[in-house]
Amino acid sequence: MDALDSSSESDEALRCRGCGGIHAGARLVNLPDGRRVGNYSEEHRMYYEAAWVLKRYRTKKTRMAYLDAVEEKRGLAARLALRQEMMRIWEHKQTQRK
């Protein structure tokens, strides 16, 4: 994990999307696909939820059921965003295998 940058761009990346503040434990992290995000950011949360779904639910049927539940609780936009993140992770893993 990388040390805290003092620039205003990193301050915005470290801002918590829930409360709007910057937490004491906030830091910039590099995701396996190369993106640099704050550990309290929505991008960070979304990446790890998508990675968890891909690891936990191994069949297309069970993954679709999870996405159905996400849509029911959070709406269509959340479902589509999570599915897009899952596809990004899957595609990145495919390029790493070649």
C-alpha atoms as a PDB file:
ATOM      1  CA  MET A   1       0.000   0.000   0.000  1.00  0.00           C
ATOM      2  CA  ASP A   2       1.185   3.485  -0.766  1.00  0.00           C
ATOM      3  CA  ALA A   3       1.782   6.358   1.595  1.00  0.00           C
ATOM      4  CA  LEU A   4      -0.547   9.323   1.798  1.00  0.00           C
ATOM      5  CA  ASP A   5       0.011  11.986  -0.849  1.00  0.00           C
ATOM      6  CA  SER A   6      -0.349  15.602   0.265  1.00  0.00           C
ATOM      7  CA  SER A   7      -1.770  16.941  -3.015  1.00  0.00           C
ATOM      8  CA  SER A   8      -5.368  18.141  -3.315  1.00  0.00           C
ATOM      9  CA  GLU A   9      -6.076  15.447  -5.953  1.00  0.00           C
ATOM     10  CA  SER A  10      -5.227  12.731  -3.439  1.00  0.00           C
ATOM     11  CA  ASP A  11      -7.301  14.518  -0.784  1.00  0.00           C
ATOM     12  CA  GLU A  12     -10.345  14.165  -3.020  1.00  0.00           C
ATOM     13  CA  ALA A  13      -9.542  10.496  -3.677  1.00  0.00           C
ATOM     14  CA  LEU A  14      -9.341   9.911   0.092  1.00  0.00           C
ATOM     15  CA  ARG A  15     -12.672  11.567   0.849  1.00  0.00           C
ATOM     16  CA  CYS A  16     -15.241   9.151   2.289  1.00  0.00           C
ATOM     17  CA  ARG A  17     -18.310   8.931   0.040  1.00  0.00           C
ATOM     18  CA  GLY A  18     -20.509   8.193   3.064  1.00  0.00           C
ATOM     19  CA  CYS A  19     -19.734  11.109   5.391  1.00  0.00           C
ATOM     20  CA  GLY A  20     -17.696  13.421   3.147  1.00  0.00           C
ATOM     21  CA  GLY A  21     -14.758  13.554   5.553  1.00  0.00           C
ATOM     22  CA  ILE A  22     -11.252  12.125   5.399  1.00  0.00           C
ATOM     23  CA  HIS A  23     -10.792   9.396   8.005  1.00  0.00           C
ATOM     24  CA  ALA A  24      -7.602   8.963  10.013  1.00  0.00           C
ATOM     25  CA  GLY A  25      -6.902   5.581   8.379  1.00  0.00           C
ATOM     26  CA  ALA A  26      -7.533   6.815   4.833  1.00  0.00           C
ATOM     27  CA  ARG A  27      -4.832   5.999   2.307  1.00  0.00           C
ATOM     28  CA  LEU A  28      -4.388   5.578  -1.417  1.00  0.00           C
ATOM     29  CA  VAL A  29      -4.228   1.990  -2.641  1.00  0.00           C
ATOM     30  CA  ASN A  30      -3.486   0.411  -5.997  1.00  0.00           C
ATOM     31  CA  LEU A  31      -6.110  -2.054  -7.173  1.00  0.00           C
ATOM     32  CA  PRO A  32      -4.849  -5.150  -8.995  1.00  0.00           C
ATOM     33  CA  ASP A  33      -6.103  -3.728 -12.301  1.00  0.00           C
ATOM     34  CA  GLY A  34      -3.871  -0.649 -11.900  1.00  0.00           C
ATOM     35  CA  ARG A  35      -6.378   1.945 -10.662  1.00  0.00           C
ATOM     36  CA  ARG A  36      -5.292   4.118  -7.716  1.00  0.00           C
ATOM     37  CA  VAL A  37      -8.161   4.862  -5.328  1.00  0.00           C
ATOM     38  CA  GLY A  38      -8.801   5.787  -1.715  1.00  0.00           C
ATOM     39  CA  ASN A  39      -9.582   2.914   0.645  1.00  0.00           C
ATOM     40  CA  TYR A  40     -12.831   4.642   1.729  1.00  0.00           C
ATOM     41  CA  SER A  41     -13.974   5.320  -1.846  1.00  0.00           C
ATOM     42  CA  GLU A  42     -16.930   3.814  -3.656  1.00  0.00           C
ATOM     43  CA  GLU A  43     -14.528   2.474  -6.307  1.00  0.00           C
ATOM     44  CA  HIS A  44     -12.634   0.519  -3.647  1.00  0.00           C
ATOM     45  CA  ARG A  45     -15.825  -0.878  -2.128  1.00  0.00           C
ATOM     46  CA  MET A  46     -17.238  -1.791  -5.533  1.00  0.00           C
ATOM     47  CA  TYR A  47     -14.037  -3.534  -6.617  1.00  0.00           C
ATOM     48  CA  TYR A  48     -13.934  -5.747  -3.543  1.00  0.00           C
ATOM     49  CA  GLU A  49     -17.640  -6.540  -3.659  1.00  0.00           C
ATOM     50  CA  ALA A  50     -17.277  -7.605  -7.303  1.00  0.00           C
ATOM     51  CA  ALA A  51     -14.172  -9.682  -6.520  1.00  0.00           C
ATOM     52  CA  TRP A  52     -16.021 -11.328  -3.624  1.00  0.00           C
ATOM     53  CA  VAL A  53     -19.003 -12.201  -5.841  1.00  0.00           C
ATOM     54  CA  LEU A  54     -16.711 -13.738  -8.458  1.00  0.00           C
ATOM     55  CA  LYS A  55     -14.949 -15.824  -5.817  1.00  0.00           C
ATOM     56  CA  ARG A  56     -18.007 -16.796  -3.755  1.00  0.00           C
ATOM     57  CA  TYR A  57     -20.502 -17.524  -6.530  1.00  0.00           C
ATOM     58  CA  ARG A  58     -18.874 -19.804  -9.076  1.00  0.00           C
ATOM     59  CA  THR A  59     -21.690 -20.374 -11.582  1.00  0.00           C
ATOM     60  CA  LYS A  60     -23.435 -17.935 -13.880  1.00  0.00           C
ATOM     61  CA  LYS A  61     -26.772 -18.883 -12.300  1.00  0.00           C
ATOM     62  CA  THR A  62     -25.664 -18.021  -8.747  1.00  0.00           C
ATOM     63  CA  ARG A  63     -23.981 -14.792  -9.884  1.00  0.00           C
ATOM     64  CA  MET A  64     -27.142 -13.738 -11.692  1.00  0.00           C
ATOM     65  CA  ALA A  65     -29.170 -14.505  -8.545  1.00  0.00           C
ATOM     66  CA  TYR A  66     -26.839 -12.229  -6.547  1.00  0.00           C
ATOM     67  CA  LEU A  67     -27.201  -9.467  -9.146  1.00  0.00           C
ATOM     68  CA  ASP A  68     -30.993  -9.922  -9.036  1.00  0.00           C
ATOM     69  CA  ALA A  69     -30.884  -9.401  -5.260  1.00  0.00           C
ATOM     70  CA  VAL A  70     -28.712  -6.297  -5.693  1.00  0.00           C
ATOM     71  CA  GLU A  71     -31.210  -4.873  -8.184  1.00  0.00           C
ATOM     72  CA  GLU A  72     -34.106  -5.574  -5.836  1.00  0.00           C
ATOM     73  CA  LYS A  73     -32.408  -3.834  -2.891  1.00  0.00           C
ATOM     74  CA  ARG A  74     -30.349  -1.095  -4.558  1.00  0.00           C
ATOM     75  CA  GLY A  75     -31.874  -0.621  -7.998  1.00  0.00           C
ATOM     76  CA  LEU A  76     -30.951  -1.250 -11.620  1.00  0.00           C
ATOM     77  CA  ALA A  77     -28.087   1.262 -11.683  1.00  0.00           C
ATOM     78  CA  ALA A  78     -26.332  -0.559  -8.810  1.00  0.00           C
ATOM     79  CA  ARG A  79     -26.806  -3.905 -10.543  1.00  0.00           C
ATOM     80  CA  LEU A  80     -25.338  -2.616 -13.800  1.00  0.00           C
ATOM     81  CA  ALA A  81     -22.398  -0.957 -12.036  1.00  0.00           C
ATOM     82  CA  LEU A  82     -21.584  -4.135 -10.102  1.00  0.00           C
ATOM     83  CA  ARG A  83     -21.877  -6.277 -13.228  1.00  0.00           C
ATOM     84  CA  GLN A  84     -19.576  -3.886 -15.107  1.00  0.00           C
ATOM     85  CA  GLU A  85     -17.002  -4.101 -12.309  1.00  0.00           C
ATOM     86  CA  MET A  86     -17.256  -7.907 -12.314  1.00  0.00           C
ATOM     87  CA  MET A  87     -16.634  -7.924 -16.070  1.00  0.00           C
ATOM     88  CA  ARG A  88     -13.650  -5.572 -15.667  1.00  0.00           C
ATOM     89  CA  ILE A  89     -12.083  -7.920 -13.106  1.00  0.00           C
ATOM     90  CA  TRP A  90     -12.789 -10.993 -15.231  1.00  0.00           C
ATOM     91  CA  GLU A  91     -11.307  -9.386 -18.365  1.00  0.00           C
ATOM     92  CA  HIS A  92      -8.224  -8.236 -16.446  1.00  0.00           C
ATOM     93  CA  LYS A  93      -7.661 -11.784 -15.180  1.00  0.00           C
ATOM     94  CA  GLN A  94      -8.011 -13.125 -18.728  1.00  0.00           C
ATOM     95  CA  THR A  95      -5.292 -10.774 -20.013  1.00  0.00           C
ATOM     96  CA  GLN A  96      -3.014 -11.771 -17.106  1.00  0.00           C
ATOM     97  CA  ARG A  97      -3.283 -15.452 -18.058  1.00  0.00           C
ATOM     98  CA  LYS A  98      -2.007 -14.862 -21.620  1.00  0.00           C
END
